[in-house]
Amino acid sequence: MLDVQNLNAFYGPAQALFDVSLQVAPGELVVLQGLNGAGKSTLLKSVMGLEVRTEGSIRYQVQDPVGSSTAGPVAIERWDTHRRARAGLGYVAEDRRLFTDLTVRENLRIAVRRDAAALEARALDLFPALKTMLERRAAQMSGGEQQMLAIARTLMTAPRILLLDEPCEGIAPVLVESIRDALLTLKQEGLGLLVAEQNQLLASRADRLVLLVAGKVRGS
């Protein structure tokens, strides 16, 4: 579904990724590991077309308007970020990027294009703790609650691949388990997941681990 080949990424003149290659298939959980600064966040941003300049190939199995796949993956490395998102790439940033002055429900509804009620019901089934917080402002939530909301909001776009940057960092263990269980449910339903994460609760359930060291793949 997602095929990255020989990807190089740059912040201005500084190179951050060096010939990185990986694949994510439907229903597959691929976990990126590495020390801070290894390039995990840069890789996710590169796939989404955010903030960095890239060279190399990013191919993705898009769908036509009636929901069937094209004959094969298409090159998306020159697509704008919004076009990648509309094609089914969902991204949850490390800083969550919530609208903190808006309520939980308002955050959920802000990006949805259609089937809002059905998508919201599904997101709340995955994160039932949010059901009692629909009128609470995001600023009044704990870090773990905000993370659940950030993932739920991205699910409102009906992604086919979910990219998550450190979803379990600094979160209470009980909420880490809730997030892990939700992601594993999505995996079982056929969603592809590419997750930058050090928490072993999630990494232990991965189909593949990809180790980044100084912007290069050292193992997978």
C-alpha atoms as a PDB file:
ATOM      1  CA  MET A   1       0.000   0.000   0.000  1.00  0.00           C
ATOM      2  CA  LEU A   2       2.835   2.407   0.921  1.00  0.00           C
ATOM      3  CA  ASP A   3       6.261   1.930  -0.630  1.00  0.00           C
ATOM      4  CA  VAL A   4       9.148   4.269   0.226  1.00  0.00           C
ATOM      5  CA  GLN A   5      12.358   3.777  -1.719  1.00  0.00           C
ATOM      6  CA  ASN A   6      15.742   5.517  -1.405  1.00  0.00           C
ATOM      7  CA  LEU A   7      14.246   8.484   0.408  1.00  0.00           C
ATOM      8  CA  ASN A   8      16.526  11.380   1.296  1.00  0.00           C
ATOM      9  CA  ALA A   9      15.259  14.339   3.330  1.00  0.00           C
ATOM     10  CA  PHE A  10      16.714  17.770   3.906  1.00  0.00           C
ATOM     11  CA  TYR A  11      16.154  20.729   6.228  1.00  0.00           C
ATOM     12  CA  GLY A  12      17.713  23.434   4.118  1.00  0.00           C
ATOM     13  CA  PRO A  13      21.232  22.239   3.271  1.00  0.00           C
ATOM     14  CA  ALA A  14      21.318  19.720   6.143  1.00  0.00           C
ATOM     15  CA  GLN A  15      20.484  16.112   5.220  1.00  0.00           C
ATOM     16  CA  ALA A  16      18.393  14.194   7.785  1.00  0.00           C
ATOM     17  CA  LEU A  17      17.506  10.938   5.970  1.00  0.00           C
ATOM     18  CA  PHE A  18      19.791   8.853   3.768  1.00  0.00           C
ATOM     19  CA  ASP A  19      18.355   6.364   1.246  1.00  0.00           C
ATOM     20  CA  VAL A  20      15.597   5.133   3.542  1.00  0.00           C
ATOM     21  CA  SER A  21      13.389   2.353   2.173  1.00  0.00           C
ATOM     22  CA  LEU A  22      10.389   0.662   3.796  1.00  0.00           C
ATOM     23  CA  GLN A  23       6.932  -0.669   3.018  1.00  0.00           C
ATOM     24  CA  VAL A  24       3.622  -0.758   4.891  1.00  0.00           C
ATOM     25  CA  ALA A  25       0.977  -3.222   3.731  1.00  0.00           C
ATOM     26  CA  PRO A  26      -2.747  -3.205   4.593  1.00  0.00           C
ATOM     27  CA  GLY A  27      -3.272  -4.479   8.126  1.00  0.00           C
ATOM     28  CA  GLU A  28       0.425  -4.221   8.961  1.00  0.00           C
ATOM     29  CA  LEU A  29       1.933  -2.482  11.988  1.00  0.00           C
ATOM     30  CA  VAL A  30       5.432  -1.179  11.306  1.00  0.00           C
ATOM     31  CA  VAL A  31       7.174   0.476  14.257  1.00  0.00           C
ATOM     32  CA  LEU A  32      10.049   2.925  13.775  1.00  0.00           C
ATOM     33  CA  GLN A  33      12.632   2.893  16.538  1.00  0.00           C
ATOM     34  CA  GLY A  34      15.753   4.906  17.198  1.00  0.00           C
ATOM     35  CA  LEU A  35      17.230   7.511  19.501  1.00  0.00           C
ATOM     36  CA  ASN A  36      16.021  11.097  19.534  1.00  0.00           C
ATOM     37  CA  GLY A  37      17.308  12.763  16.380  1.00  0.00           C
ATOM     38  CA  ALA A  38      17.561   9.484  14.468  1.00  0.00           C
ATOM     39  CA  GLY A  39      15.059  10.670  11.849  1.00  0.00           C
ATOM     40  CA  LYS A  40      11.794   9.022  12.894  1.00  0.00           C
ATOM     41  CA  SER A  41       9.729  12.213  12.877  1.00  0.00           C
ATOM     42  CA  THR A  42      11.428  13.381   9.692  1.00  0.00           C
ATOM     43  CA  LEU A  43      10.452  10.162   7.945  1.00  0.00           C
ATOM     44  CA  LEU A  44       6.783  10.578   8.868  1.00  0.00           C
ATOM     45  CA  LYS A  45       6.824  14.233   7.788  1.00  0.00           C
ATOM     46  CA  SER A  46       8.482  13.236   4.526  1.00  0.00           C
ATOM     47  CA  VAL A  47       5.722  10.745   3.756  1.00  0.00           C
ATOM     48  CA  MET A  48       3.141  13.455   4.445  1.00  0.00           C
ATOM     49  CA  GLY A  49       5.016  16.171   2.536  1.00  0.00           C
ATOM     50  CA  LEU A  50       5.524  18.365   5.592  1.00  0.00           C
ATOM     51  CA  GLU A  51       8.362  20.800   6.361  1.00  0.00           C
ATOM     52  CA  VAL A  52      11.197  18.926   4.622  1.00  0.00           C
ATOM     53  CA  ARG A  53      12.530  18.686   1.095  1.00  0.00           C
ATOM     54  CA  THR A  54      12.764  15.144  -0.191  1.00  0.00           C
ATOM     55  CA  GLU A  55      14.367  13.135  -2.961  1.00  0.00           C
ATOM     56  CA  GLY A  56      13.453   9.551  -3.772  1.00  0.00           C
ATOM     57  CA  SER A  57      10.274   7.588  -4.334  1.00  0.00           C
ATOM     58  CA  ILE A  58       7.056   7.502  -2.284  1.00  0.00           C
ATOM     59  CA  ARG A  59       4.404   5.315  -3.890  1.00  0.00           C
ATOM     60  CA  TYR A  60       0.922   4.741  -2.536  1.00  0.00           C
ATOM     61  CA  GLN A  61      -2.068   2.621  -3.542  1.00  0.00           C
ATOM     62  CA  VAL A  62      -4.765   5.241  -4.038  1.00  0.00           C
ATOM     63  CA  GLN A  63      -8.460   4.550  -4.537  1.00  0.00           C
ATOM     64  CA  ASP A  64     -10.824   5.896  -7.148  1.00  0.00           C
ATOM     65  CA  PRO A  65     -13.954   7.796  -6.022  1.00  0.00           C
ATOM     66  CA  VAL A  66     -16.049   4.619  -5.699  1.00  0.00           C
ATOM     67  CA  GLY A  67     -13.530   3.009  -3.393  1.00  0.00           C
ATOM     68  CA  SER A  68     -11.722   0.475  -5.585  1.00  0.00           C
ATOM     69  CA  SER A  69      -7.943   0.498  -5.852  1.00  0.00           C
ATOM     70  CA  THR A  70      -6.032   1.568  -8.923  1.00  0.00           C
ATOM     71  CA  ALA A  71      -3.990  -0.995 -10.844  1.00  0.00           C
ATOM     72  CA  GLY A  72      -0.911  -0.217  -8.781  1.00  0.00           C
ATOM     73  CA  PRO A  73       0.751   2.295  -6.478  1.00  0.00           C
ATOM     74  CA  VAL A  74       1.215   5.802  -7.852  1.00  0.00           C
ATOM     75  CA  ALA A  75       4.025   8.252  -7.156  1.00  0.00           C
ATOM     76  CA  ILE A  76       2.943  10.844  -4.586  1.00  0.00           C
ATOM     77  CA  GLU A  77       6.256  12.449  -3.630  1.00  0.00           C
ATOM     78  CA  ARG A  78       5.336  15.632  -5.510  1.00  0.00           C
ATOM     79  CA  TRP A  79       1.801  15.826  -4.151  1.00  0.00           C
ATOM     80  CA  ASP A  80       0.811  18.571  -1.727  1.00  0.00           C
ATOM     81  CA  THR A  81       0.129  17.492   1.857  1.00  0.00           C
ATOM     82  CA  HIS A  82      -3.620  18.043   1.610  1.00  0.00           C
ATOM     83  CA  ARG A  83      -3.812  15.807  -1.457  1.00  0.00           C
ATOM     84  CA  ARG A  84      -1.978  13.011   0.369  1.00  0.00           C
ATOM     85  CA  ALA A  85      -4.388  13.366   3.276  1.00  0.00           C
ATOM     86  CA  ARG A  86      -7.422  13.267   0.986  1.00  0.00           C
ATOM     87  CA  ALA A  87      -6.010  10.114  -0.626  1.00  0.00           C
ATOM     88  CA  GLY A  88      -6.042   8.334   2.749  1.00  0.00           C
ATOM     89  CA  LEU A  89      -2.819   9.129   4.592  1.00  0.00           C
ATOM     90  CA  GLY A  90      -3.639  10.108   8.163  1.00  0.00           C
ATOM     91  CA  TYR A  91      -1.011  11.783  10.356  1.00  0.00           C
ATOM     92  CA  VAL A  92      -0.920  12.328  14.118  1.00  0.00           C
ATOM     93  CA  ALA A  93       1.932  14.663  15.052  1.00  0.00           C
ATOM     94  CA  GLU A  94       3.934  14.337  18.253  1.00  0.00           C
ATOM     95  CA  ASP A  95       2.580  17.682  19.483  1.00  0.00           C
ATOM     96  CA  ARG A  96      -1.020  16.572  18.609  1.00  0.00           C
ATOM     97  CA  ARG A  97      -1.944  19.935  17.048  1.00  0.00           C
ATOM     98  CA  LEU A  98      -5.367  20.071  18.632  1.00  0.00           C
ATOM     99  CA  PHE A  99      -7.548  23.164  18.671  1.00  0.00           C
ATOM    100  CA  THR A 100      -7.347  23.629  22.422  1.00  0.00           C
ATOM    101  CA  ASP A 101     -10.112  26.254  22.603  1.00  0.00           C
ATOM    102  CA  LEU A 102     -12.558  23.888  20.895  1.00  0.00           C
ATOM    103  CA  THR A 103     -14.465  21.040  22.506  1.00  0.00           C
ATOM    104  CA  VAL A 104     -13.825  17.375  21.882  1.00  0.00           C
ATOM    105  CA  ARG A 105     -16.800  17.195  19.532  1.00  0.00           C
ATOM    106  CA  GLU A 106     -15.727  20.322  17.662  1.00  0.00           C
ATOM    107  CA  ASN A 107     -12.226  18.917  17.213  1.00  0.00           C
ATOM    108  CA  LEU A 108     -13.680  15.682  15.866  1.00  0.00           C
ATOM    109  CA  ARG A 109     -15.994  17.394  13.402  1.00  0.00           C
ATOM    110  CA  ILE A 110     -13.604  20.043  12.102  1.00  0.00           C
ATOM    111  CA  ALA A 111     -11.906  17.943   9.415  1.00  0.00           C
ATOM    112  CA  VAL A 112     -14.683  15.547   8.404  1.00  0.00           C
ATOM    113  CA  ARG A 113     -16.051  15.765   4.863  1.00  0.00           C
ATOM    114  CA  ARG A 114     -18.876  13.231   4.938  1.00  0.00           C
ATOM    115  CA  ASP A 115     -20.483  10.570   7.116  1.00  0.00           C
ATOM    116  CA  ALA A 116     -19.640  12.605  10.210  1.00  0.00           C
ATOM    117  CA  ALA A 117     -22.037  10.781  12.540  1.00  0.00           C
ATOM    118  CA  ALA A 118     -20.839   7.311  11.509  1.00  0.00           C
ATOM    119  CA  LEU A 119     -17.167   8.253  11.686  1.00  0.00           C
ATOM    120  CA  GLU A 120     -17.635   9.883  15.072  1.00  0.00           C
ATOM    121  CA  ALA A 121     -19.445   6.830  16.438  1.00  0.00           C
ATOM    122  CA  ARG A 122     -16.611   4.581  15.266  1.00  0.00           C
ATOM    123  CA  ALA A 123     -13.931   6.824  16.773  1.00  0.00           C
ATOM    124  CA  LEU A 124     -15.771   6.925  20.087  1.00  0.00           C
ATOM    125  CA  ASP A 125     -16.143   3.144  20.080  1.00  0.00           C
ATOM    126  CA  LEU A 126     -12.374   2.891  19.821  1.00  0.00           C
ATOM    127  CA  PHE A 127     -11.844   5.535  22.526  1.00  0.00           C
ATOM    128  CA  PRO A 128     -14.901   5.259  24.816  1.00  0.00           C
ATOM    129  CA  ALA A 129     -13.316   7.546  27.426  1.00  0.00           C
ATOM    130  CA  LEU A 130     -13.995  10.450  25.060  1.00  0.00           C
ATOM    131  CA  LYS A 131     -17.758   9.862  25.159  1.00  0.00           C
ATOM    132  CA  THR A 132     -18.054  11.639  28.514  1.00  0.00           C
ATOM    133  CA  MET A 133     -15.890  14.554  27.368  1.00  0.00           C
ATOM    134  CA  LEU A 134     -17.611  15.682  24.176  1.00  0.00           C
ATOM    135  CA  GLU A 135     -18.344  19.168  25.520  1.00  0.00           C
ATOM    136  CA  ARG A 136     -14.976  19.543  27.285  1.00  0.00           C
ATOM    137  CA  ARG A 137     -12.396  21.860  25.761  1.00  0.00           C
ATOM    138  CA  ALA A 138      -9.236  20.141  24.628  1.00  0.00           C
ATOM    139  CA  ALA A 139      -7.189  22.462  26.860  1.00  0.00           C
ATOM    140  CA  GLN A 140      -8.868  20.879  29.903  1.00  0.00           C
ATOM    141  CA  MET A 141      -7.804  17.326  29.027  1.00  0.00           C
ATOM    142  CA  SER A 142      -4.813  15.345  30.259  1.00  0.00           C
ATOM    143  CA  GLY A 143      -1.990  14.498  27.882  1.00  0.00           C
ATOM    144  CA  GLY A 144      -3.265  10.965  27.379  1.00  0.00           C
ATOM    145  CA  GLU A 145      -6.806  12.156  26.749  1.00  0.00           C
ATOM    146  CA  GLN A 146      -5.507  14.662  24.230  1.00  0.00           C
ATOM    147  CA  GLN A 147      -3.593  11.906  22.461  1.00  0.00           C
ATOM    148  CA  MET A 148      -6.731   9.793  22.170  1.00  0.00           C
ATOM    149  CA  LEU A 149      -8.551  12.818  20.756  1.00  0.00           C
ATOM    150  CA  ALA A 150      -5.758  13.499  18.258  1.00  0.00           C
ATOM    151  CA  ILE A 151      -5.957   9.929  16.952  1.00  0.00           C
ATOM    152  CA  ALA A 152      -9.767   9.975  16.935  1.00  0.00           C
ATOM    153  CA  ARG A 153      -9.778  13.247  15.001  1.00  0.00           C
ATOM    154  CA  THR A 154      -7.487  11.774  12.347  1.00  0.00           C
ATOM    155  CA  LEU A 155      -9.770   8.742  12.076  1.00  0.00           C
ATOM    156  CA  MET A 156     -12.573  11.150  11.149  1.00  0.00           C
ATOM    157  CA  THR A 157     -10.818  11.553   7.771  1.00  0.00           C
ATOM    158  CA  ALA A 158     -11.250   7.797   7.107  1.00  0.00           C
ATOM    159  CA  PRO A 159      -7.547   7.093   6.518  1.00  0.00           C
ATOM    160  CA  ARG A 160      -6.231   3.896   4.970  1.00  0.00           C
ATOM    161  CA  ILE A 161      -2.750   4.318   6.459  1.00  0.00           C
ATOM    162  CA  LEU A 162      -2.143   5.950   9.832  1.00  0.00           C
ATOM    163  CA  LEU A 163       1.192   7.631  10.626  1.00  0.00           C
ATOM    164  CA  LEU A 164       1.752   8.300  14.331  1.00  0.00           C
ATOM    165  CA  ASP A 165       4.643  10.119  15.960  1.00  0.00           C
ATOM    166  CA  GLU A 166       5.337   8.895  19.530  1.00  0.00           C
ATOM    167  CA  PRO A 167       1.670   8.298  20.449  1.00  0.00           C
ATOM    168  CA  CYS A 168       2.523   6.787  23.852  1.00  0.00           C
ATOM    169  CA  GLU A 169       5.232   9.194  25.029  1.00  0.00           C
ATOM    170  CA  GLY A 170       4.668  10.654  28.508  1.00  0.00           C
ATOM    171  CA  ILE A 171       1.244   9.027  28.929  1.00  0.00           C
ATOM    172  CA  ALA A 172      -0.102   7.093  31.914  1.00  0.00           C
ATOM    173  CA  PRO A 173       0.253   3.304  31.431  1.00  0.00           C
ATOM    174  CA  VAL A 174      -3.502   2.655  31.559  1.00  0.00           C
ATOM    175  CA  LEU A 175      -4.046   5.094  28.675  1.00  0.00           C
ATOM    176  CA  VAL A 176      -1.103   3.625  26.771  1.00  0.00           C
ATOM    177  CA  GLU A 177      -2.901   0.276  26.925  1.00  0.00           C
ATOM    178  CA  SER A 178      -6.113   1.879  25.629  1.00  0.00           C
ATOM    179  CA  ILE A 179      -4.249   3.454  22.713  1.00  0.00           C
ATOM    180  CA  ARG A 180      -2.434   0.195  21.947  1.00  0.00           C
ATOM    181  CA  ASP A 181      -5.695  -1.762  21.957  1.00  0.00           C
ATOM    182  CA  ALA A 182      -7.368   0.765  19.647  1.00  0.00           C
ATOM    183  CA  LEU A 183      -4.468   0.640  17.193  1.00  0.00           C
ATOM    184  CA  LEU A 184      -4.437  -3.158  17.197  1.00  0.00           C
ATOM    185  CA  THR A 185      -8.171  -3.148  16.464  1.00  0.00           C
ATOM    186  CA  LEU A 186      -7.568  -0.848  13.507  1.00  0.00           C
ATOM    187  CA  LYS A 187      -4.780  -3.149  12.315  1.00  0.00           C
ATOM    188  CA  GLN A 188      -7.130  -6.133  12.460  1.00  0.00           C
ATOM    189  CA  GLU A 189      -9.613  -4.174  10.358  1.00  0.00           C
ATOM    190  CA  GLY A 190      -7.008  -3.727   7.625  1.00  0.00           C
ATOM    191  CA  LEU A 191      -5.582  -0.292   8.396  1.00  0.00           C
ATOM    192  CA  GLY A 192      -1.855   0.055   7.774  1.00  0.00           C
ATOM    193  CA  LEU A 193       0.087   1.692  10.609  1.00  0.00           C
ATOM    194  CA  LEU A 194       3.514   3.326  10.574  1.00  0.00           C
ATOM    195  CA  VAL A 195       4.371   4.346  14.124  1.00  0.00           C
ATOM    196  CA  ALA A 196       7.429   6.066  15.581  1.00  0.00           C
ATOM    197  CA  GLU A 197       7.421   4.647  19.098  1.00  0.00           C
ATOM    198  CA  GLN A 198       9.797   3.460  21.804  1.00  0.00           C
ATOM    199  CA  ASN A 199       7.129   1.964  24.093  1.00  0.00           C
ATOM    200  CA  GLN A 200       7.518  -1.799  24.095  1.00  0.00           C
ATOM    201  CA  LEU A 201       3.804  -2.404  24.693  1.00  0.00           C
ATOM    202  CA  LEU A 202       3.235  -1.435  21.099  1.00  0.00           C
ATOM    203  CA  ALA A 203       6.574  -2.465  19.616  1.00  0.00           C
ATOM    204  CA  SER A 204       6.113  -6.007  20.943  1.00  0.00           C
ATOM    205  CA  ARG A 205       3.003  -6.358  18.754  1.00  0.00           C
ATOM    206  CA  ALA A 206       4.568  -4.999  15.589  1.00  0.00           C
ATOM    207  CA  ASP A 207       4.792  -7.008  12.390  1.00  0.00           C
ATOM    208  CA  ARG A 208       8.139  -5.374  11.729  1.00  0.00           C
ATOM    209  CA  LEU A 209      10.538  -3.083  13.554  1.00  0.00           C
ATOM    210  CA  VAL A 210      12.579  -0.587  11.546  1.00  0.00           C
ATOM    211  CA  LEU A 211      15.611   0.842  13.331  1.00  0.00           C
ATOM    212  CA  LEU A 212      16.857   4.268  12.304  1.00  0.00           C
ATOM    213  CA  VAL A 213      20.369   5.359  13.245  1.00  0.00           C
ATOM    214  CA  ALA A 214      21.519   8.842  12.197  1.00  0.00           C
ATOM    215  CA  GLY A 215      18.964   8.949   9.397  1.00  0.00           C
ATOM    216  CA  LYS A 216      19.748   5.509   7.981  1.00  0.00           C
ATOM    217  CA  VAL A 217      17.912   2.184   8.266  1.00  0.00           C
ATOM    218  CA  ARG A 218      20.000  -0.244  10.292  1.00  0.00           C
ATOM    219  CA  GLY A 219      17.535  -3.091  10.668  1.00  0.00           C
ATOM    220  CA  SER A 220      13.995  -4.208   9.827  1.00  0.00           C
END
